[in-house]
Amino acid sequence: MYHVDYLSDPSKAQKADIFDLVGVLVHTGTCEHGHYYSYIRERPCSTGSTAPTWVEFDDSNVTPFDPADIAYRAFGGMTDESYSRVQKQYSAYMLFYQRRTALDTDQRKWVTSTNERTPKVPMPRDLKKEVDVSNEALIREYCLLDPDHTMFVRQLHVMSRAINHGSCSEDHAQVRTSLRVKQ
């Protein structure tokens, strides 16, 4: 209730100003080392629902999050897991709030402006290039380390050898030699 209007005349009637939690930054570890991750309320909500949707951001992992778990997963204290109770190694480091009227206004504007289209926000060219390079590196790393991808590539090699009668191409004499040795 500490608006400029209230401070200048506390006898005036004031409208309640309610803030909603929209983000939690969590630290796990000790004061000497650790890791940060966050829980962020999606705003405006893409579903148009009045129930808030939340997302967990942990490095490159972004997953849906149930806000009913915030108290347990972000606010320190003792664990309730197993038979022994120990101090949690994680706790909220910073909380973010947004005025409820601003949330409602943003939601109304977003829902009426999108008309069920995915909203597109212009991105500076340099930032887009950086994001594209980062995404390409992520996909390359994922493919290199994914066992299903490795199996797929091996199957492609087997198929190409079968199609080309034991060699990848006319120029790969070493491949033909190694196949003869194995047989």
N, C-alpha and C. Protein backbone atom coordinates (compact mmCIF):
# COMPACT_ATOMS: atom_id res chain seq x y z
N MET A 1 0.81 -1.19 0.00
CA MET A 1 0.00 0.00 0.00
C MET A 1 0.86 1.26 0.00
N TYR A 2 2.12 1.17 -0.25
CA TYR A 2 2.98 2.35 -0.20
C TYR A 2 3.12 2.98 -1.58
N HIS A 3 1.99 3.39 -2.13
CA HIS A 3 1.98 4.15 -3.38
C HIS A 3 2.28 5.60 -3.07
N VAL A 4 2.64 6.33 -4.09
CA VAL A 4 2.88 7.76 -3.91
C VAL A 4 1.61 8.43 -3.38
N ASP A 5 0.45 8.03 -3.90
CA ASP A 5 -0.82 8.62 -3.44
C ASP A 5 -1.03 8.38 -1.95
N TYR A 6 -0.73 7.18 -1.49
CA TYR A 6 -0.94 6.83 -0.08
C TYR A 6 0.05 7.59 0.80
N LEU A 7 1.29 7.67 0.37
CA LEU A 7 2.29 8.36 1.17
C LEU A 7 2.01 9.86 1.27
N SER A 8 1.46 10.44 0.20
CA SER A 8 1.15 11.86 0.25
C SER A 8 -0.10 12.15 1.07
N ASP A 9 -1.05 11.20 1.15
CA ASP A 9 -2.25 11.40 1.96
C ASP A 9 -2.76 10.05 2.45
N PRO A 10 -2.27 9.57 3.61
CA PRO A 10 -2.65 8.26 4.12
C PRO A 10 -4.13 8.14 4.49
N SER A 11 -4.82 9.23 4.58
CA SER A 11 -6.24 9.16 4.94
C SER A 11 -7.12 8.79 3.74
N LYS A 12 -6.60 8.89 2.53
CA LYS A 12 -7.36 8.53 1.33
C LYS A 12 -7.58 7.03 1.28
N ALA A 13 -8.73 6.62 0.78
CA ALA A 13 -9.02 5.20 0.59
C ALA A 13 -8.11 4.67 -0.54
N GLN A 14 -7.58 3.49 -0.31
CA GLN A 14 -6.67 2.91 -1.30
C GLN A 14 -7.23 1.62 -1.87
N LYS A 15 -7.00 1.42 -3.13
CA LYS A 15 -7.38 0.18 -3.79
C LYS A 15 -6.29 -0.85 -3.52
N ALA A 16 -6.68 -2.08 -3.23
CA ALA A 16 -5.70 -3.13 -2.95
C ALA A 16 -4.83 -3.36 -4.18
N ASP A 17 -3.55 -3.55 -3.94
CA ASP A 17 -2.60 -3.79 -5.01
C ASP A 17 -1.99 -5.16 -4.76
N ILE A 18 -2.41 -6.15 -5.54
CA ILE A 18 -1.99 -7.53 -5.31
C ILE A 18 -0.93 -7.92 -6.33
N PHE A 19 0.10 -8.60 -5.85
CA PHE A 19 1.18 -9.08 -6.71
C PHE A 19 1.17 -10.60 -6.70
N ASP A 20 1.44 -11.19 -7.86
CA ASP A 20 1.51 -12.65 -7.99
C ASP A 20 2.95 -13.06 -8.26
N LEU A 21 3.32 -14.21 -7.72
CA LEU A 21 4.63 -14.78 -7.97
C LEU A 21 4.71 -15.21 -9.43
N VAL A 22 5.76 -14.76 -10.13
CA VAL A 22 5.92 -15.12 -11.54
C VAL A 22 7.26 -15.77 -11.84
N GLY A 23 8.14 -15.83 -10.85
CA GLY A 23 9.43 -16.46 -11.09
C GLY A 23 10.16 -16.74 -9.80
N VAL A 24 10.94 -17.82 -9.83
CA VAL A 24 11.76 -18.19 -8.68
C VAL A 24 13.13 -18.60 -9.21
N LEU A 25 14.16 -17.94 -8.72
CA LEU A 25 15.53 -18.32 -9.04
C LEU A 25 16.03 -19.16 -7.87
N VAL A 26 16.50 -20.37 -8.15
CA VAL A 26 16.90 -21.31 -7.11
C VAL A 26 18.40 -21.57 -7.19
N HIS A 27 19.04 -21.64 -6.03
CA HIS A 27 20.45 -22.02 -5.96
C HIS A 27 20.54 -23.37 -5.28
N THR A 28 21.31 -24.26 -5.86
CA THR A 28 21.56 -25.55 -5.23
C THR A 28 23.06 -25.66 -5.02
N GLY A 29 23.45 -26.19 -3.89
CA GLY A 29 24.87 -26.32 -3.58
C GLY A 29 25.21 -25.61 -2.29
N THR A 30 26.43 -25.12 -2.22
CA THR A 30 26.90 -24.41 -1.02
C THR A 30 27.28 -22.99 -1.41
N CYS A 31 27.76 -22.23 -0.42
CA CYS A 31 28.18 -20.87 -0.72
C CYS A 31 29.49 -20.86 -1.52
N GLU A 32 30.20 -21.98 -1.55
CA GLU A 32 31.47 -22.06 -2.27
C GLU A 32 31.30 -22.51 -3.72
N HIS A 33 30.28 -23.29 -3.98
CA HIS A 33 30.01 -23.72 -5.35
C HIS A 33 28.54 -24.13 -5.45
N GLY A 34 28.05 -24.13 -6.66
CA GLY A 34 26.65 -24.51 -6.82
C GLY A 34 26.16 -24.30 -8.24
N HIS A 35 24.86 -24.29 -8.36
CA HIS A 35 24.21 -24.23 -9.67
C HIS A 35 22.91 -23.45 -9.51
N TYR A 36 22.53 -22.69 -10.52
CA TYR A 36 21.29 -21.93 -10.50
C TYR A 36 20.33 -22.47 -11.56
N TYR A 37 19.07 -22.49 -11.25
CA TYR A 37 18.02 -22.82 -12.20
C TYR A 37 16.80 -22.01 -11.79
N SER A 38 15.77 -22.01 -12.65
CA SER A 38 14.63 -21.15 -12.34
C SER A 38 13.30 -21.78 -12.75
N TYR A 39 12.27 -21.32 -12.08
CA TYR A 39 10.89 -21.66 -12.40
C TYR A 39 10.23 -20.35 -12.81
N ILE A 40 9.66 -20.31 -14.00
CA ILE A 40 9.11 -19.09 -14.54
C ILE A 40 7.66 -19.32 -14.95
N ARG A 41 6.80 -18.41 -14.52
CA ARG A 41 5.40 -18.46 -14.93
C ARG A 41 5.30 -17.92 -16.35
N GLU A 42 4.64 -18.68 -17.20
CA GLU A 42 4.47 -18.24 -18.58
C GLU A 42 3.48 -17.08 -18.58
N ARG A 43 3.90 -15.95 -19.11
CA ARG A 43 3.02 -14.80 -19.17
C ARG A 43 3.33 -13.99 -20.42
N PRO A 44 2.34 -13.72 -21.15
CA PRO A 44 0.97 -14.19 -20.97
C PRO A 44 0.89 -15.68 -21.29
N CYS A 45 -0.12 -16.31 -20.78
CA CYS A 45 -0.28 -17.76 -20.91
C CYS A 45 -0.76 -18.10 -22.32
N SER A 46 -0.01 -18.96 -23.01
CA SER A 46 -0.35 -19.29 -24.40
C SER A 46 -1.65 -20.08 -24.51
N THR A 47 -2.07 -20.74 -23.44
CA THR A 47 -3.31 -21.50 -23.51
C THR A 47 -4.53 -20.61 -23.35
N GLY A 48 -4.31 -19.38 -22.88
CA GLY A 48 -5.44 -18.49 -22.63
C GLY A 48 -6.16 -18.84 -21.34
N SER A 49 -5.64 -19.82 -20.64
CA SER A 49 -6.26 -20.29 -19.41
C SER A 49 -5.99 -19.33 -18.26
N THR A 50 -6.90 -19.31 -17.29
CA THR A 50 -6.66 -18.49 -16.11
C THR A 50 -5.71 -19.19 -15.15
N ALA A 51 -5.59 -20.52 -15.27
CA ALA A 51 -4.63 -21.25 -14.43
C ALA A 51 -3.23 -21.00 -14.98
N PRO A 52 -2.31 -20.55 -14.14
CA PRO A 52 -0.96 -20.24 -14.65
C PRO A 52 -0.21 -21.50 -15.06
N THR A 53 0.55 -21.38 -16.15
CA THR A 53 1.43 -22.46 -16.56
C THR A 53 2.86 -22.04 -16.23
N TRP A 54 3.64 -22.99 -15.77
CA TRP A 54 5.01 -22.71 -15.35
C TRP A 54 5.98 -23.58 -16.13
N VAL A 55 7.23 -23.09 -16.25
CA VAL A 55 8.27 -23.80 -16.97
C VAL A 55 9.53 -23.79 -16.11
N GLU A 56 10.24 -24.92 -16.10
CA GLU A 56 11.52 -25.00 -15.39
C GLU A 56 12.64 -24.80 -16.41
N PHE A 57 13.56 -23.89 -16.10
CA PHE A 57 14.72 -23.62 -16.94
C PHE A 57 15.97 -24.07 -16.18
N ASP A 58 16.63 -25.10 -16.69
CA ASP A 58 17.85 -25.61 -16.07
C ASP A 58 18.86 -25.83 -17.18
N ASP A 59 19.71 -24.85 -17.38
CA ASP A 59 20.65 -24.82 -18.50
C ASP A 59 19.88 -24.97 -19.81
N SER A 60 20.21 -25.97 -20.61
CA SER A 60 19.51 -26.12 -21.90
C SER A 60 18.25 -26.96 -21.77
N ASN A 61 17.94 -27.43 -20.56
CA ASN A 61 16.72 -28.22 -20.36
C ASN A 61 15.57 -27.30 -19.96
N VAL A 62 14.53 -27.32 -20.75
CA VAL A 62 13.34 -26.51 -20.48
C VAL A 62 12.16 -27.47 -20.46
N THR A 63 11.50 -27.57 -19.30
CA THR A 63 10.42 -28.54 -19.14
C THR A 63 9.24 -27.90 -18.43
N PRO A 64 8.04 -28.43 -18.65
CA PRO A 64 6.87 -27.94 -17.91
C PRO A 64 7.07 -28.19 -16.42
N PHE A 65 6.45 -27.36 -15.60
CA PHE A 65 6.61 -27.46 -14.15
C PHE A 65 5.26 -27.26 -13.48
N ASP A 66 4.96 -28.08 -12.49
CA ASP A 66 3.71 -27.95 -11.74
C ASP A 66 3.92 -26.95 -10.61
N PRO A 67 3.23 -25.81 -10.63
CA PRO A 67 3.45 -24.79 -9.59
C PRO A 67 3.09 -25.27 -8.19
N ALA A 68 2.34 -26.36 -8.08
CA ALA A 68 2.03 -26.90 -6.76
C ALA A 68 3.29 -27.42 -6.07
N ASP A 69 4.35 -27.67 -6.84
CA ASP A 69 5.61 -28.18 -6.29
C ASP A 69 6.59 -27.08 -5.89
N ILE A 70 6.26 -25.83 -6.09
CA ILE A 70 7.20 -24.75 -5.81
C ILE A 70 7.68 -24.78 -4.36
N ALA A 71 6.77 -24.90 -3.43
CA ALA A 71 7.17 -24.85 -2.02
C ALA A 71 8.19 -25.94 -1.71
N TYR A 72 7.98 -27.15 -2.20
CA TYR A 72 8.90 -28.24 -1.89
C TYR A 72 10.22 -28.11 -2.66
N ARG A 73 10.14 -27.72 -3.94
CA ARG A 73 11.33 -27.75 -4.80
C ARG A 73 12.14 -26.48 -4.79
N ALA A 74 11.69 -25.46 -4.04
CA ALA A 74 12.43 -24.20 -4.09
C ALA A 74 12.71 -23.57 -2.74
N PHE A 75 12.09 -24.03 -1.68
CA PHE A 75 12.20 -23.28 -0.43
C PHE A 75 12.87 -24.04 0.69
N GLY A 76 14.06 -24.54 0.47
CA GLY A 76 14.91 -25.09 1.52
C GLY A 76 14.21 -25.94 2.55
N GLY A 77 14.80 -26.00 3.74
CA GLY A 77 14.23 -26.78 4.83
C GLY A 77 14.72 -28.21 4.81
N MET A 78 13.94 -29.06 5.46
CA MET A 78 14.30 -30.48 5.57
C MET A 78 13.58 -31.29 4.49
N THR A 79 14.24 -32.35 4.01
CA THR A 79 13.61 -33.23 3.03
C THR A 79 12.64 -34.17 3.72
N ASP A 80 11.66 -34.62 3.00
CA ASP A 80 10.71 -35.60 3.51
C ASP A 80 10.93 -36.95 2.84
N GLU A 81 12.05 -37.08 2.16
CA GLU A 81 12.34 -38.30 1.42
C GLU A 81 12.98 -39.34 2.34
N SER A 82 12.71 -40.57 2.09
CA SER A 82 13.27 -41.73 2.80
C SER A 82 13.05 -41.64 4.30
N TYR A 83 13.83 -42.40 5.05
CA TYR A 83 13.65 -42.45 6.49
C TYR A 83 14.46 -41.40 7.23
N SER A 84 15.51 -40.92 6.60
CA SER A 84 16.32 -39.90 7.27
C SER A 84 16.00 -38.53 6.70
N ARG A 85 15.84 -37.59 7.58
CA ARG A 85 15.56 -36.21 7.15
C ARG A 85 16.89 -35.45 7.14
N VAL A 86 17.19 -34.83 6.01
CA VAL A 86 18.41 -34.05 5.89
C VAL A 86 18.07 -32.67 5.33
N GLN A 87 18.97 -31.74 5.54
CA GLN A 87 18.78 -30.38 5.04
C GLN A 87 18.86 -30.38 3.52
N LYS A 88 17.91 -29.72 2.85
CA LYS A 88 17.93 -29.62 1.39
C LYS A 88 19.14 -28.80 0.96
N GLN A 89 19.70 -29.15 -0.18
CA GLN A 89 20.84 -28.42 -0.73
C GLN A 89 20.40 -27.34 -1.71
N TYR A 90 19.11 -27.06 -1.76
CA TYR A 90 18.60 -26.06 -2.68
C TYR A 90 17.61 -25.15 -1.95
N SER A 91 17.58 -23.91 -2.42
CA SER A 91 16.65 -22.96 -1.82
C SER A 91 16.48 -21.78 -2.76
N ALA A 92 15.31 -21.14 -2.69
CA ALA A 92 15.05 -19.96 -3.52
C ALA A 92 16.08 -18.89 -3.19
N TYR A 93 16.62 -18.28 -4.22
CA TYR A 93 17.62 -17.24 -4.08
C TYR A 93 16.98 -15.87 -4.31
N MET A 94 16.03 -15.85 -5.25
CA MET A 94 15.36 -14.61 -5.58
C MET A 94 13.94 -14.92 -6.06
N LEU A 95 12.98 -14.11 -5.64
CA LEU A 95 11.59 -14.26 -6.06
C LEU A 95 11.21 -13.09 -6.95
N PHE A 96 10.39 -13.33 -7.95
CA PHE A 96 9.94 -12.28 -8.86
C PHE A 96 8.42 -12.20 -8.81
N TYR A 97 7.92 -10.99 -8.67
CA TYR A 97 6.48 -10.76 -8.60
C TYR A 97 6.08 -9.77 -9.69
N GLN A 98 4.82 -9.88 -10.11
CA GLN A 98 4.27 -8.93 -11.07
C GLN A 98 2.88 -8.52 -10.59
N ARG A 99 2.59 -7.24 -10.74
CA ARG A 99 1.28 -6.73 -10.32
C ARG A 99 0.18 -7.48 -11.06
N ARG A 100 -0.82 -7.96 -10.34
CA ARG A 100 -1.89 -8.77 -10.91
C ARG A 100 -2.62 -8.03 -12.02
N THR A 101 -2.87 -6.75 -11.85
CA THR A 101 -3.57 -6.00 -12.90
C THR A 101 -2.74 -5.98 -14.18
N ALA A 102 -1.41 -5.93 -14.07
CA ALA A 102 -0.55 -5.96 -15.25
C ALA A 102 -0.60 -7.33 -15.91
N LEU A 103 -0.64 -8.39 -15.10
CA LEU A 103 -0.76 -9.75 -15.65
C LEU A 103 -2.06 -9.90 -16.43
N ASP A 104 -3.16 -9.44 -15.83
CA ASP A 104 -4.47 -9.54 -16.48
C ASP A 104 -4.50 -8.74 -17.78
N THR A 105 -3.93 -7.54 -17.75
CA THR A 105 -3.90 -6.69 -18.94
C THR A 105 -3.08 -7.34 -20.04
N ASP A 106 -1.90 -7.86 -19.69
CA ASP A 106 -1.05 -8.54 -20.68
C ASP A 106 -1.78 -9.73 -21.29
N GLN A 107 -2.46 -10.50 -20.44
CA GLN A 107 -3.17 -11.69 -20.93
C GLN A 107 -4.27 -11.30 -21.91
N ARG A 108 -5.05 -10.29 -21.58
CA ARG A 108 -6.13 -9.85 -22.48
C ARG A 108 -5.56 -9.36 -23.80
N LYS A 109 -4.52 -8.55 -23.76
CA LYS A 109 -3.90 -8.03 -24.99
C LYS A 109 -3.38 -9.18 -25.84
N TRP A 110 -2.71 -10.15 -25.19
CA TRP A 110 -2.11 -11.25 -25.94
C TRP A 110 -3.17 -12.10 -26.59
N VAL A 111 -4.21 -12.46 -25.86
CA VAL A 111 -5.26 -13.33 -26.39
C VAL A 111 -5.99 -12.65 -27.54
N THR A 112 -6.30 -11.36 -27.41
CA THR A 112 -7.02 -10.68 -28.48
C THR A 112 -6.13 -10.38 -29.68
N SER A 113 -4.82 -10.25 -29.46
CA SER A 113 -3.95 -9.90 -30.58
C SER A 113 -3.49 -11.10 -31.39
N THR A 114 -3.46 -12.29 -30.80
CA THR A 114 -2.92 -13.44 -31.54
C THR A 114 -3.93 -14.14 -32.42
N ASN A 115 -5.20 -14.14 -32.01
CA ASN A 115 -6.22 -14.83 -32.79
C ASN A 115 -5.78 -16.24 -33.19
N GLU A 116 -5.24 -16.97 -32.21
CA GLU A 116 -4.81 -18.36 -32.36
C GLU A 116 -3.66 -18.54 -33.34
N ARG A 117 -2.87 -17.52 -33.55
CA ARG A 117 -1.65 -17.63 -34.34
C ARG A 117 -0.48 -17.59 -33.37
N THR A 118 0.60 -18.21 -33.74
CA THR A 118 1.79 -18.12 -32.92
C THR A 118 2.36 -16.72 -33.07
N PRO A 119 2.52 -16.00 -31.96
CA PRO A 119 3.04 -14.64 -32.08
C PRO A 119 4.50 -14.65 -32.50
N LYS A 120 4.87 -13.73 -33.35
CA LYS A 120 6.25 -13.61 -33.80
C LYS A 120 6.76 -12.25 -33.36
N VAL A 121 7.92 -12.27 -32.77
CA VAL A 121 8.55 -11.05 -32.30
C VAL A 121 9.80 -10.84 -33.13
N PRO A 122 9.97 -9.64 -33.68
CA PRO A 122 11.17 -9.42 -34.50
C PRO A 122 12.43 -9.56 -33.63
N MET A 123 13.45 -10.17 -34.23
CA MET A 123 14.70 -10.41 -33.50
C MET A 123 15.83 -9.70 -34.25
N PRO A 124 16.71 -9.02 -33.53
CA PRO A 124 17.85 -8.39 -34.21
C PRO A 124 18.66 -9.45 -34.97
N ARG A 125 19.15 -9.08 -36.13
CA ARG A 125 19.84 -10.01 -37.03
C ARG A 125 21.03 -10.70 -36.35
N ASP A 126 21.84 -9.94 -35.59
CA ASP A 126 23.01 -10.52 -34.91
C ASP A 126 22.58 -11.56 -33.87
N LEU A 127 21.51 -11.26 -33.14
CA LEU A 127 21.01 -12.19 -32.13
C LEU A 127 20.47 -13.45 -32.80
N LYS A 128 19.75 -13.29 -33.92
CA LYS A 128 19.21 -14.45 -34.63
C LYS A 128 20.33 -15.35 -35.11
N LYS A 129 21.40 -14.75 -35.63
CA LYS A 129 22.54 -15.55 -36.10
C LYS A 129 23.15 -16.31 -34.93
N GLU A 130 23.32 -15.66 -33.78
CA GLU A 130 23.89 -16.31 -32.61
C GLU A 130 23.02 -17.47 -32.13
N VAL A 131 21.71 -17.27 -32.12
CA VAL A 131 20.78 -18.32 -31.71
C VAL A 131 20.83 -19.49 -32.70
N ASP A 132 20.86 -19.18 -34.00
CA ASP A 132 20.93 -20.24 -35.02
C ASP A 132 22.20 -21.07 -34.87
N VAL A 133 23.35 -20.41 -34.65
CA VAL A 133 24.62 -21.13 -34.49
C VAL A 133 24.57 -22.01 -33.24
N SER A 134 24.01 -21.46 -32.15
CA SER A 134 23.90 -22.23 -30.90
C SER A 134 22.97 -23.43 -31.08
N ASN A 135 21.85 -23.25 -31.76
CA ASN A 135 20.91 -24.35 -32.01
C ASN A 135 21.55 -25.42 -32.89
N GLU A 136 22.30 -25.00 -33.89
CA GLU A 136 22.96 -25.97 -34.77
C GLU A 136 23.98 -26.79 -33.99
N ALA A 137 24.75 -26.14 -33.12
CA ALA A 137 25.74 -26.86 -32.31
C ALA A 137 25.04 -27.84 -31.36
N LEU A 138 23.92 -27.43 -30.80
CA LEU A 138 23.17 -28.31 -29.90
C LEU A 138 22.67 -29.55 -30.65
N ILE A 139 22.14 -29.36 -31.84
CA ILE A 139 21.64 -30.49 -32.63
C ILE A 139 22.78 -31.41 -33.03
N ARG A 140 23.92 -30.84 -33.42
CA ARG A 140 25.08 -31.68 -33.80
C ARG A 140 25.53 -32.52 -32.60
N GLU A 141 25.63 -31.88 -31.42
CA GLU A 141 26.06 -32.60 -30.22
C GLU A 141 25.05 -33.69 -29.87
N TYR A 142 23.78 -33.36 -29.97
CA TYR A 142 22.73 -34.34 -29.67
C TYR A 142 22.85 -35.54 -30.60
N CYS A 143 23.04 -35.28 -31.88
CA CYS A 143 23.13 -36.38 -32.85
C CYS A 143 24.38 -37.21 -32.64
N LEU A 144 25.48 -36.57 -32.30
CA LEU A 144 26.72 -37.32 -32.08
C LEU A 144 26.62 -38.25 -30.88
N LEU A 145 25.90 -37.83 -29.84
CA LEU A 145 25.84 -38.59 -28.61
C LEU A 145 24.59 -39.46 -28.48
N ASP A 146 23.67 -39.35 -29.41
CA ASP A 146 22.43 -40.11 -29.33
C ASP A 146 22.66 -41.53 -29.84
N PRO A 147 22.46 -42.56 -29.00
CA PRO A 147 22.71 -43.93 -29.45
C PRO A 147 21.79 -44.36 -30.60
N ASP A 148 20.57 -43.85 -30.64
CA ASP A 148 19.67 -44.20 -31.75
C ASP A 148 20.19 -43.64 -33.07
N HIS A 149 20.75 -42.44 -33.02
CA HIS A 149 21.31 -41.84 -34.23
C HIS A 149 22.52 -42.65 -34.71
N THR A 150 23.37 -43.04 -33.76
CA THR A 150 24.54 -43.85 -34.10
C THR A 150 24.12 -45.15 -34.75
N MET A 151 23.10 -45.81 -34.21
CA MET A 151 22.61 -47.07 -34.77
C MET A 151 22.05 -46.83 -36.18
N PHE A 152 21.35 -45.72 -36.37
CA PHE A 152 20.80 -45.38 -37.68
C PHE A 152 21.92 -45.20 -38.71
N VAL A 153 22.98 -44.47 -38.33
CA VAL A 153 24.09 -44.25 -39.25
C VAL A 153 24.77 -45.57 -39.60
N ARG A 154 24.94 -46.45 -38.61
CA ARG A 154 25.54 -47.77 -38.88
C ARG A 154 24.68 -48.58 -39.85
N GLN A 155 23.37 -48.52 -39.66
CA GLN A 155 22.47 -49.23 -40.58
C GLN A 155 22.58 -48.67 -41.99
N LEU A 156 22.74 -47.35 -42.11
CA LEU A 156 22.92 -46.75 -43.43
C LEU A 156 24.19 -47.28 -44.10
N HIS A 157 25.27 -47.41 -43.33
CA HIS A 157 26.52 -47.94 -43.89
C HIS A 157 26.35 -49.39 -44.34
N VAL A 158 25.69 -50.20 -43.54
CA VAL A 158 25.45 -51.60 -43.91
C VAL A 158 24.63 -51.66 -45.20
N MET A 159 23.59 -50.83 -45.26
CA MET A 159 22.73 -50.83 -46.46
C MET A 159 23.52 -50.38 -47.69
N SER A 160 24.38 -49.35 -47.53
CA SER A 160 25.14 -48.87 -48.69
C SER A 160 26.13 -49.93 -49.17
N ARG A 161 26.70 -50.69 -48.23
CA ARG A 161 27.61 -51.77 -48.63
C ARG A 161 26.84 -52.87 -49.38
N ALA A 162 25.66 -53.18 -48.89
CA ALA A 162 24.85 -54.21 -49.56
C ALA A 162 24.46 -53.76 -50.96
N ILE A 163 24.08 -52.51 -51.09
CA ILE A 163 23.67 -51.98 -52.39
C ILE A 163 24.85 -51.93 -53.35
N ASN A 164 26.04 -51.56 -52.83
CA ASN A 164 27.22 -51.42 -53.69
C ASN A 164 28.10 -52.68 -53.70
N HIS A 165 27.53 -53.82 -53.33
CA HIS A 165 28.22 -55.11 -53.38
C HIS A 165 29.53 -55.11 -52.58
N GLY A 166 29.47 -54.62 -51.36
CA GLY A 166 30.62 -54.72 -50.45
C GLY A 166 31.50 -53.51 -50.37
N SER A 167 31.18 -52.45 -51.09
CA SER A 167 32.00 -51.25 -50.97
C SER A 167 31.09 -50.03 -50.94
N CYS A 168 31.62 -48.93 -50.42
CA CYS A 168 30.84 -47.69 -50.37
C CYS A 168 30.77 -47.04 -51.73
N SER A 169 31.87 -47.12 -52.47
CA SER A 169 31.90 -46.55 -53.81
C SER A 169 33.08 -47.15 -54.57
N GLU A 170 33.25 -46.80 -55.80
CA GLU A 170 34.35 -47.32 -56.61
C GLU A 170 35.70 -46.91 -56.05
N ASP A 171 35.79 -45.74 -55.42
CA ASP A 171 37.08 -45.19 -54.98
C ASP A 171 37.54 -45.72 -53.62
N HIS A 172 36.75 -46.52 -52.91
CA HIS A 172 37.09 -46.95 -51.57
C HIS A 172 37.69 -48.35 -51.56
N ALA A 173 38.87 -48.47 -52.08
CA ALA A 173 39.54 -49.77 -52.15
C ALA A 173 39.82 -50.30 -50.75
N GLN A 174 40.12 -49.45 -49.80
CA GLN A 174 40.41 -49.89 -48.44
C GLN A 174 39.19 -50.54 -47.80
N VAL A 175 38.01 -50.04 -48.08
CA VAL A 175 36.79 -50.62 -47.53
C VAL A 175 36.61 -52.03 -48.08
N ARG A 176 36.86 -52.22 -49.38
CA ARG A 176 36.74 -53.56 -49.99
C ARG A 176 37.75 -54.51 -49.36
N THR A 177 38.96 -54.03 -49.12
CA THR A 177 40.00 -54.87 -48.53
C THR A 177 39.59 -55.28 -47.11
N SER A 178 39.11 -54.33 -46.32
CA SER A 178 38.75 -54.65 -44.94
C SER A 178 37.56 -55.60 -44.90
N LEU A 179 36.66 -55.50 -45.85
CA LEU A 179 35.51 -56.41 -45.89
C LEU A 179 35.98 -57.83 -46.22
N ARG A 180 36.96 -58.00 -47.12
CA ARG A 180 37.47 -59.31 -47.48
C ARG A 180 38.16 -59.95 -46.27
N VAL A 181 38.91 -59.13 -45.49
CA VAL A 181 39.60 -59.64 -44.32
C VAL A 181 38.61 -60.15 -43.30
N LYS A 182 37.50 -59.44 -43.08
CA LYS A 182 36.49 -59.82 -42.11
C LYS A 182 35.75 -61.09 -42.52
N GLN A 183 35.59 -61.30 -43.85
CA GLN A 183 34.84 -62.47 -44.32
C GLN A 183 35.69 -63.66 -44.20
